[in-house]
Amino acid sequence: MGFNDESRERKQIVHSFRGTFRSLCDTYQNEHNISFEIKEAVLDHHIGNEVTQAYNHKADYTEQIRPLLQWWADYLDRIRVT
């Protein structure tokens, strides 16, 4: 996960970490049934147009986000180098 690939001039940066998170969410979509809205909320992305956002700006996804972030924490614990 954390690498610098000089041969391709690709560096691992903070935004790459977010991209890795999103890619893994998509990879395990069927296993965890993670909705598009929840994945976007975790990354603090705004969904839809201004009208949609006006009606949805106070949505609280805490209960849906909690298991996703626990899964992510568990995933990181499994791959952590000790």
N, C-alpha and C. Protein backbone atom coordinates (compact mmCIF):
# COMPACT_ATOMS: atom_id res chain seq x y z
N MET A 1 0.82 -1.18 0.00
CA MET A 1 0.00 0.00 0.00
C MET A 1 0.87 1.25 0.00
N GLY A 2 1.85 1.33 0.88
CA GLY A 2 2.70 2.50 0.92
C GLY A 2 3.94 2.26 0.08
N PHE A 3 4.02 2.87 -1.08
CA PHE A 3 5.17 2.64 -1.94
C PHE A 3 5.45 3.87 -2.78
N ASN A 4 6.67 3.95 -3.23
CA ASN A 4 7.06 4.92 -4.25
C ASN A 4 7.50 4.11 -5.45
N ASP A 5 6.93 4.40 -6.58
CA ASP A 5 7.24 3.68 -7.81
C ASP A 5 7.95 4.64 -8.75
N GLU A 6 9.27 4.81 -8.53
CA GLU A 6 10.03 5.76 -9.34
C GLU A 6 10.03 5.39 -10.81
N SER A 7 9.95 4.10 -11.12
CA SER A 7 9.98 3.70 -12.52
C SER A 7 8.79 4.26 -13.30
N ARG A 8 7.71 4.52 -12.61
CA ARG A 8 6.53 5.09 -13.25
C ARG A 8 6.29 6.53 -12.81
N GLU A 9 7.22 7.06 -12.03
CA GLU A 9 7.09 8.41 -11.50
C GLU A 9 5.81 8.58 -10.70
N ARG A 10 5.45 7.54 -9.94
CA ARG A 10 4.27 7.59 -9.09
C ARG A 10 4.72 7.57 -7.64
N LYS A 11 4.24 8.50 -6.87
CA LYS A 11 4.57 8.59 -5.46
C LYS A 11 3.30 8.33 -4.64
N GLN A 12 3.48 7.70 -3.51
CA GLN A 12 2.37 7.50 -2.59
C GLN A 12 2.19 8.78 -1.79
N ILE A 13 1.02 9.36 -1.84
CA ILE A 13 0.72 10.59 -1.11
C ILE A 13 -0.56 10.39 -0.31
N VAL A 14 -0.91 11.37 0.51
CA VAL A 14 -2.10 11.24 1.35
C VAL A 14 -3.34 10.97 0.51
N HIS A 15 -3.49 11.65 -0.60
CA HIS A 15 -4.67 11.43 -1.43
C HIS A 15 -4.69 10.01 -1.98
N SER A 16 -3.53 9.43 -2.20
CA SER A 16 -3.46 8.03 -2.64
C SER A 16 -4.06 7.10 -1.60
N PHE A 17 -3.86 7.44 -0.33
CA PHE A 17 -4.42 6.66 0.76
C PHE A 17 -5.94 6.68 0.68
N ARG A 18 -6.51 7.84 0.40
CA ARG A 18 -7.96 7.96 0.23
C ARG A 18 -8.42 7.16 -0.98
N GLY A 19 -7.64 7.21 -2.06
CA GLY A 19 -7.98 6.45 -3.25
C GLY A 19 -7.94 4.95 -3.01
N THR A 20 -6.95 4.53 -2.22
CA THR A 20 -6.85 3.11 -1.86
C THR A 20 -8.07 2.69 -1.06
N PHE A 21 -8.47 3.53 -0.11
CA PHE A 21 -9.67 3.25 0.68
C PHE A 21 -10.88 3.07 -0.23
N ARG A 22 -11.06 4.00 -1.16
CA ARG A 22 -12.23 3.94 -2.04
C ARG A 22 -12.17 2.72 -2.94
N SER A 23 -11.00 2.41 -3.47
CA SER A 23 -10.85 1.24 -4.34
C SER A 23 -11.18 -0.04 -3.60
N LEU A 24 -10.73 -0.14 -2.35
CA LEU A 24 -11.02 -1.34 -1.57
C LEU A 24 -12.50 -1.41 -1.21
N CYS A 25 -13.13 -0.28 -0.95
CA CYS A 25 -14.58 -0.28 -0.71
C CYS A 25 -15.31 -0.82 -1.93
N ASP A 26 -14.89 -0.38 -3.11
CA ASP A 26 -15.52 -0.87 -4.34
C ASP A 26 -15.23 -2.35 -4.55
N THR A 27 -14.01 -2.78 -4.25
CA THR A 27 -13.64 -4.18 -4.42
C THR A 27 -14.49 -5.08 -3.53
N TYR A 28 -14.74 -4.65 -2.31
CA TYR A 28 -15.50 -5.47 -1.35
C TYR A 28 -16.97 -5.04 -1.26
N GLN A 29 -17.45 -4.36 -2.28
CA GLN A 29 -18.83 -3.87 -2.32
C GLN A 29 -19.85 -4.96 -2.02
N ASN A 30 -19.75 -6.07 -2.71
CA ASN A 30 -20.74 -7.14 -2.54
C ASN A 30 -20.67 -7.79 -1.17
N GLU A 31 -19.47 -7.89 -0.62
CA GLU A 31 -19.30 -8.51 0.69
C GLU A 31 -19.89 -7.67 1.81
N HIS A 32 -19.79 -6.34 1.68
CA HIS A 32 -20.20 -5.46 2.77
C HIS A 32 -21.41 -4.60 2.45
N ASN A 33 -21.88 -4.64 1.22
CA ASN A 33 -23.05 -3.87 0.80
C ASN A 33 -22.91 -2.39 1.17
N ILE A 34 -21.83 -1.79 0.74
CA ILE A 34 -21.54 -0.40 1.04
C ILE A 34 -22.16 0.47 -0.05
N SER A 35 -23.05 1.36 0.33
CA SER A 35 -23.70 2.20 -0.67
C SER A 35 -22.76 3.29 -1.17
N PHE A 36 -23.05 3.74 -2.35
CA PHE A 36 -22.30 4.83 -2.96
C PHE A 36 -22.30 6.06 -2.04
N GLU A 37 -23.46 6.37 -1.47
CA GLU A 37 -23.59 7.55 -0.61
C GLU A 37 -22.70 7.46 0.62
N ILE A 38 -22.59 6.27 1.19
CA ILE A 38 -21.77 6.10 2.39
C ILE A 38 -20.29 6.26 2.03
N LYS A 39 -19.87 5.65 0.94
CA LYS A 39 -18.47 5.79 0.51
C LYS A 39 -18.14 7.26 0.26
N GLU A 40 -19.03 7.97 -0.36
CA GLU A 40 -18.80 9.39 -0.64
C GLU A 40 -18.82 10.21 0.65
N ALA A 41 -19.70 9.87 1.57
CA ALA A 41 -19.77 10.61 2.84
C ALA A 41 -18.49 10.45 3.64
N VAL A 42 -17.93 9.24 3.66
CA VAL A 42 -16.68 9.02 4.38
C VAL A 42 -15.57 9.89 3.81
N LEU A 43 -15.54 10.05 2.51
CA LEU A 43 -14.51 10.85 1.86
C LEU A 43 -14.87 12.34 1.81
N ASP A 44 -16.02 12.69 2.38
CA ASP A 44 -16.52 14.06 2.42
C ASP A 44 -16.70 14.63 1.02
N HIS A 45 -17.14 13.78 0.09
CA HIS A 45 -17.48 14.23 -1.26
C HIS A 45 -18.94 14.66 -1.27
N HIS A 46 -19.23 15.68 -2.04
CA HIS A 46 -20.61 16.15 -2.18
C HIS A 46 -21.26 15.42 -3.35
N ILE A 47 -22.46 14.95 -3.11
CA ILE A 47 -23.17 14.14 -4.10
C ILE A 47 -24.29 14.95 -4.72
N GLY A 48 -24.43 14.84 -6.02
CA GLY A 48 -25.55 15.45 -6.71
C GLY A 48 -25.35 16.93 -6.99
N ASN A 49 -26.43 17.53 -7.44
CA ASN A 49 -26.39 18.95 -7.78
C ASN A 49 -26.77 19.79 -6.56
N GLU A 50 -26.86 21.10 -6.74
CA GLU A 50 -27.14 21.99 -5.62
C GLU A 50 -28.50 21.70 -4.98
N VAL A 51 -29.48 21.34 -5.78
CA VAL A 51 -30.81 21.05 -5.24
C VAL A 51 -30.75 19.81 -4.35
N THR A 52 -30.13 18.75 -4.85
CA THR A 52 -29.99 17.53 -4.05
C THR A 52 -29.25 17.81 -2.76
N GLN A 53 -28.17 18.56 -2.84
CA GLN A 53 -27.38 18.87 -1.66
C GLN A 53 -28.17 19.71 -0.66
N ALA A 54 -29.03 20.60 -1.15
CA ALA A 54 -29.82 21.44 -0.27
C ALA A 54 -30.76 20.62 0.59
N TYR A 55 -31.28 19.53 0.05
CA TYR A 55 -32.21 18.69 0.80
C TYR A 55 -31.50 17.62 1.62
N ASN A 56 -30.24 17.38 1.34
CA ASN A 56 -29.54 16.27 1.99
C ASN A 56 -28.36 16.73 2.85
N HIS A 57 -28.18 18.02 3.04
CA HIS A 57 -26.98 18.52 3.71
C HIS A 57 -26.91 18.16 5.19
N LYS A 58 -28.02 17.80 5.79
CA LYS A 58 -28.01 17.46 7.21
C LYS A 58 -28.12 15.96 7.46
N ALA A 59 -27.98 15.18 6.42
CA ALA A 59 -28.07 13.72 6.59
C ALA A 59 -26.97 13.25 7.53
N ASP A 60 -27.34 12.37 8.44
CA ASP A 60 -26.38 11.83 9.41
C ASP A 60 -26.20 10.34 9.11
N TYR A 61 -25.04 10.02 8.56
CA TYR A 61 -24.74 8.64 8.17
C TYR A 61 -23.89 7.92 9.21
N THR A 62 -23.84 8.44 10.43
CA THR A 62 -22.93 7.90 11.45
C THR A 62 -23.10 6.40 11.63
N GLU A 63 -24.31 5.93 11.74
CA GLU A 63 -24.54 4.50 12.00
C GLU A 63 -24.14 3.63 10.81
N GLN A 64 -24.26 4.15 9.60
CA GLN A 64 -23.85 3.39 8.42
C GLN A 64 -22.34 3.46 8.21
N ILE A 65 -21.73 4.57 8.61
CA ILE A 65 -20.29 4.76 8.43
C ILE A 65 -19.48 3.95 9.43
N ARG A 66 -19.99 3.83 10.65
CA ARG A 66 -19.24 3.16 11.72
C ARG A 66 -18.74 1.77 11.33
N PRO A 67 -19.58 0.86 10.82
CA PRO A 67 -19.06 -0.47 10.45
C PRO A 67 -18.05 -0.43 9.31
N LEU A 68 -18.22 0.51 8.39
CA LEU A 68 -17.26 0.64 7.29
C LEU A 68 -15.89 1.05 7.82
N LEU A 69 -15.86 2.03 8.70
CA LEU A 69 -14.58 2.47 9.25
C LEU A 69 -13.97 1.42 10.16
N GLN A 70 -14.80 0.63 10.84
CA GLN A 70 -14.26 -0.47 11.64
C GLN A 70 -13.62 -1.51 10.74
N TRP A 71 -14.29 -1.82 9.63
CA TRP A 71 -13.72 -2.76 8.66
C TRP A 71 -12.38 -2.23 8.15
N TRP A 72 -12.31 -0.94 7.83
CA TRP A 72 -11.08 -0.32 7.33
C TRP A 72 -9.98 -0.40 8.39
N ALA A 73 -10.31 -0.10 9.63
CA ALA A 73 -9.32 -0.18 10.71
C ALA A 73 -8.81 -1.61 10.87
N ASP A 74 -9.72 -2.57 10.82
CA ASP A 74 -9.32 -3.98 10.92
C ASP A 74 -8.43 -4.38 9.75
N TYR A 75 -8.77 -3.90 8.56
CA TYR A 75 -7.96 -4.19 7.37
C TYR A 75 -6.54 -3.65 7.55
N LEU A 76 -6.44 -2.41 8.00
CA LEU A 76 -5.12 -1.80 8.21
C LEU A 76 -4.33 -2.54 9.29
N ASP A 77 -5.02 -2.97 10.34
CA ASP A 77 -4.35 -3.74 11.39
C ASP A 77 -3.77 -5.04 10.84
N ARG A 78 -4.50 -5.68 9.93
CA ARG A 78 -4.04 -6.96 9.36
C ARG A 78 -2.80 -6.79 8.49
N ILE A 79 -2.68 -5.66 7.81
CA ILE A 79 -1.55 -5.50 6.90
C ILE A 79 -0.40 -4.72 7.53
N ARG A 80 -0.60 -4.22 8.72
CA ARG A 80 0.43 -3.41 9.38
C ARG A 80 1.67 -4.24 9.63
N VAL A 81 2.80 -3.65 9.39
CA VAL A 81 4.08 -4.30 9.67
C VAL A 81 4.40 -4.05 11.13
N THR A 82 4.62 -5.14 11.85
CA THR A 82 4.91 -4.99 13.28
C THR A 82 6.38 -5.12 13.57
